[in-house]
Structures are given as structure tokens and as C-alpha cells.
Protein backbone atom coordinates (compact mmCIF):
# COMPACT_ATOMS: atom_id res chain seq x y z
CA UNK A 1 0.00 0.00 0.00
CA UNK A 2 1.34 3.42 -0.95
CA UNK A 3 1.94 5.92 1.82
CA UNK A 4 1.12 9.58 1.35
CA UNK A 5 4.16 11.73 2.16
CA UNK A 6 4.02 14.36 4.88
CA UNK A 7 5.51 17.75 4.08
CA UNK A 8 6.37 19.74 7.19
CA UNK A 9 7.95 22.94 8.38
CA UNK A 10 9.60 23.34 11.75
CA UNK A 11 11.02 26.45 13.37
CA UNK A 12 14.34 26.48 15.21
CA UNK A 13 12.61 24.83 18.18
CA UNK A 14 12.42 21.65 16.05
CA UNK A 15 9.20 20.59 17.80
CA UNK A 16 7.38 19.89 14.55
CA UNK A 17 10.46 18.19 13.07
CA UNK A 18 10.60 15.80 16.03
CA UNK A 19 6.99 14.79 15.45
CA UNK A 20 7.59 14.30 11.70
CA UNK A 21 10.68 12.21 12.36
CA UNK A 22 8.77 10.06 14.86
CA UNK A 23 6.08 9.43 12.22
CA UNK A 24 8.77 8.41 9.75
CA UNK A 25 10.46 6.13 12.29
CA UNK A 26 7.16 4.50 13.22
CA UNK A 27 6.19 3.22 9.78
CA UNK A 28 8.74 4.41 7.26
CA UNK A 29 6.55 7.24 6.02
CA UNK A 30 8.32 9.75 3.78
CA UNK A 31 8.57 13.16 5.44
CA UNK A 32 9.85 16.15 3.51
CA UNK A 33 11.16 19.34 5.08
CA UNK A 34 9.83 22.57 3.60
CA UNK A 35 12.83 24.40 5.08
CA UNK A 36 14.81 22.76 2.25
CA UNK A 37 14.64 25.18 -0.71
CA UNK A 38 14.51 22.33 -3.25
CA UNK A 39 11.50 20.80 -1.52
CA UNK A 40 9.80 24.16 -0.99
CA UNK A 41 10.22 25.23 -4.64
CA UNK A 42 9.10 21.88 -6.04
CA UNK A 43 5.77 20.27 -6.64
CA UNK A 44 4.44 17.27 -4.79
CA UNK A 45 4.43 14.34 -7.24
CA UNK A 46 1.06 13.20 -5.94
CA UNK A 47 -1.22 13.53 -2.95
CA UNK A 48 0.40 14.85 0.19
CA UNK A 49 -0.34 15.92 3.76
CA UNK A 50 0.84 19.10 5.44
CA UNK A 51 2.22 19.22 8.99
CA UNK A 52 2.48 22.82 10.12
CA UNK A 53 3.00 24.75 13.33
CA UNK A 54 1.03 27.89 14.20
CA UNK A 55 2.83 31.08 15.07
CA UNK A 56 -0.03 33.26 16.27
CA UNK A 57 0.67 33.76 19.96
CA UNK A 58 -2.18 35.98 20.99
CA UNK A 59 -1.67 38.84 18.55
CA UNK A 60 -4.53 38.85 16.05
CA UNK A 61 -2.33 40.65 13.49
CA UNK A 62 0.39 37.99 13.46
CA UNK A 63 0.72 35.71 10.46
CA UNK A 64 -0.16 32.16 11.43
CA UNK A 65 1.18 30.12 8.51
CA UNK A 66 4.98 29.94 8.20
CA UNK A 67 6.47 31.55 5.07
CA UNK A 68 7.93 28.26 3.68
CA UNK A 69 4.47 26.67 3.89
CA UNK A 70 2.90 29.66 2.13
CA UNK A 71 5.60 29.44 -0.57
CA UNK A 72 4.90 25.74 -1.20
CA UNK A 73 1.17 26.41 -1.38
CA UNK A 74 1.63 29.09 -4.06
CA UNK A 75 1.70 26.22 -6.54
CA UNK A 76 -1.78 25.40 -7.82
CA UNK A 77 -0.65 21.79 -8.27
CA UNK A 78 0.40 21.55 -4.62
CA UNK A 79 -2.86 23.11 -3.44
CA UNK A 80 -4.88 20.68 -5.57
CA UNK A 81 -2.96 17.62 -4.33
CA UNK A 82 -3.20 18.53 -0.63
CA UNK A 83 -5.22 15.86 1.20
CA UNK A 84 -5.34 17.29 4.71
CA UNK A 85 -3.53 19.10 7.48
CA UNK A 86 -1.88 18.08 10.74
CA UNK A 87 -1.48 20.96 13.16
CA UNK A 88 1.15 21.55 15.80
CA UNK A 89 0.50 24.23 18.38
CA UNK A 90 0.91 25.55 21.87
CA UNK A 91 -2.09 25.81 24.17
CA UNK A 92 -0.54 28.95 25.65
CA UNK A 93 -1.74 30.65 22.44
CA UNK A 94 -5.30 30.40 23.81
CA UNK A 95 -7.92 31.09 21.14
CA UNK A 96 -5.13 31.05 18.53
CA UNK A 97 -4.14 27.45 19.33
CA UNK A 98 -3.86 25.58 16.00
CA UNK A 99 -4.75 28.76 14.10
CA UNK A 100 -2.63 27.92 11.04
CA UNK A 101 -4.10 24.44 10.53
CA UNK A 102 -7.65 25.61 11.15
CA UNK A 103 -7.42 28.70 8.95
CA UNK A 104 -5.82 26.74 6.10
CA UNK A 105 -8.50 24.05 6.40
CA UNK A 106 -11.22 26.68 6.13
CA UNK A 107 -9.59 28.31 3.10
CA UNK A 108 -8.65 25.09 1.28
CA UNK A 109 -11.67 22.95 2.11
CA UNK A 110 -9.29 20.22 3.33
CA UNK A 111 -9.75 18.67 6.77
CA UNK A 112 -7.61 19.04 9.85
CA UNK A 113 -6.65 15.40 10.31
CA UNK A 114 -4.93 15.65 13.67
CA UNK A 115 -3.74 18.26 16.17
CA UNK A 116 -1.09 17.99 18.85
CA UNK A 117 0.73 20.27 21.24
CA UNK A 118 4.43 21.11 21.04
CA UNK A 119 6.27 17.96 19.82
CA UNK A 120 3.43 15.62 20.76
CA UNK A 121 3.44 12.55 22.96
CA UNK A 122 4.15 8.95 21.93
CA UNK A 123 0.38 8.43 22.03
CA UNK A 124 -0.09 11.40 19.65
CA UNK A 125 2.39 9.89 17.21
CA UNK A 126 0.66 6.50 17.38
CA UNK A 127 -2.80 8.01 16.85
CA UNK A 128 -1.65 10.22 13.98
CA UNK A 129 0.12 7.26 12.32
CA UNK A 130 -3.11 5.28 12.60
CA UNK A 131 -5.08 8.09 10.96
CA UNK A 132 -2.54 8.30 8.15
CA UNK A 133 -2.67 4.52 7.59
CA UNK A 134 -6.46 4.75 7.33
CA UNK A 135 -6.13 7.52 4.74
CA UNK A 136 -3.51 5.52 2.81
CA UNK A 137 -5.85 2.50 2.76
CA UNK A 138 -8.87 4.54 1.71
CA UNK A 139 -7.02 6.23 -1.13
CA UNK A 140 -5.40 2.95 -2.17
CA UNK A 141 -8.78 1.20 -2.43
CA UNK A 142 -10.25 4.20 -4.28
CA UNK A 143 -7.53 3.75 -6.92
CA UNK A 144 -8.37 0.05 -7.46
């Protein structure tokens, strides 16, 4: 069964990167770092899932979606192939917790598949991996 790759961006805290790497270690899923200019400037070869942090920390005027994610989404092909969004956030952001994932879902019409705080827990990784396996299976059977 084919696995949908996860494209992610992580700030210098590396919290989102740790979660992405744990997903990859769990089941061999391909994770691609949008901090890499080649990845960011390219097009996803097929369906893909976004893993993004939120940066809005209580200031309504702050941009929520990281610039590398916005750059990747400038491609109409990438926007069309996006399956869903995994959000990383910090509950200290209050009402702005998971703002990037939720705002992008509303704009794109794609679902928020999973949300976690900071770098997630082992249980978060397991649950997210399970959700991704279910999506892989559903899309695989749809292609039969």
C-alpha cells in the first residue's frame, strides 16, 4: 500500500520536526522538510499531507502560517494535491491554538486530520500514524 508523504515545516525549536521524524520512524513514512529550498520550490508528485505549526501567539495581526508553507502552497498543483492538514501548536496561544491548521482548512476545504501540542506525545504519534494509515488504505482502495 502506498503511503502519502508528509511535508512539514519546523522552526528552530524543532518541535514539529521531532513529530515528523517520529512518524517516519514509526512506519517508514516519507517526510519532507519545507525548510529545504529544493522541496519548498518543487511540486508534490502526488497527494500529500501538510504538517504545520502555528505562530499566532495571541496577537490577532500575526501571520499564522509559516512563510515556507505559504511558498509551497503558491503552486496550484500543490494546493490541488493537498489531502489534509496536521497541526502543531501551543495551548498557551489560547484562542489562537492551532490557528494555522484551522485557517488553512477553512480556506482550502481540506480537513484538519490531527492536532497535537508542542512535539506531541508517543500516544499522539501513534494516533496520527493510525489516521494516516487509514487515509492511505482509503485512497489505495479508491484507486483500485
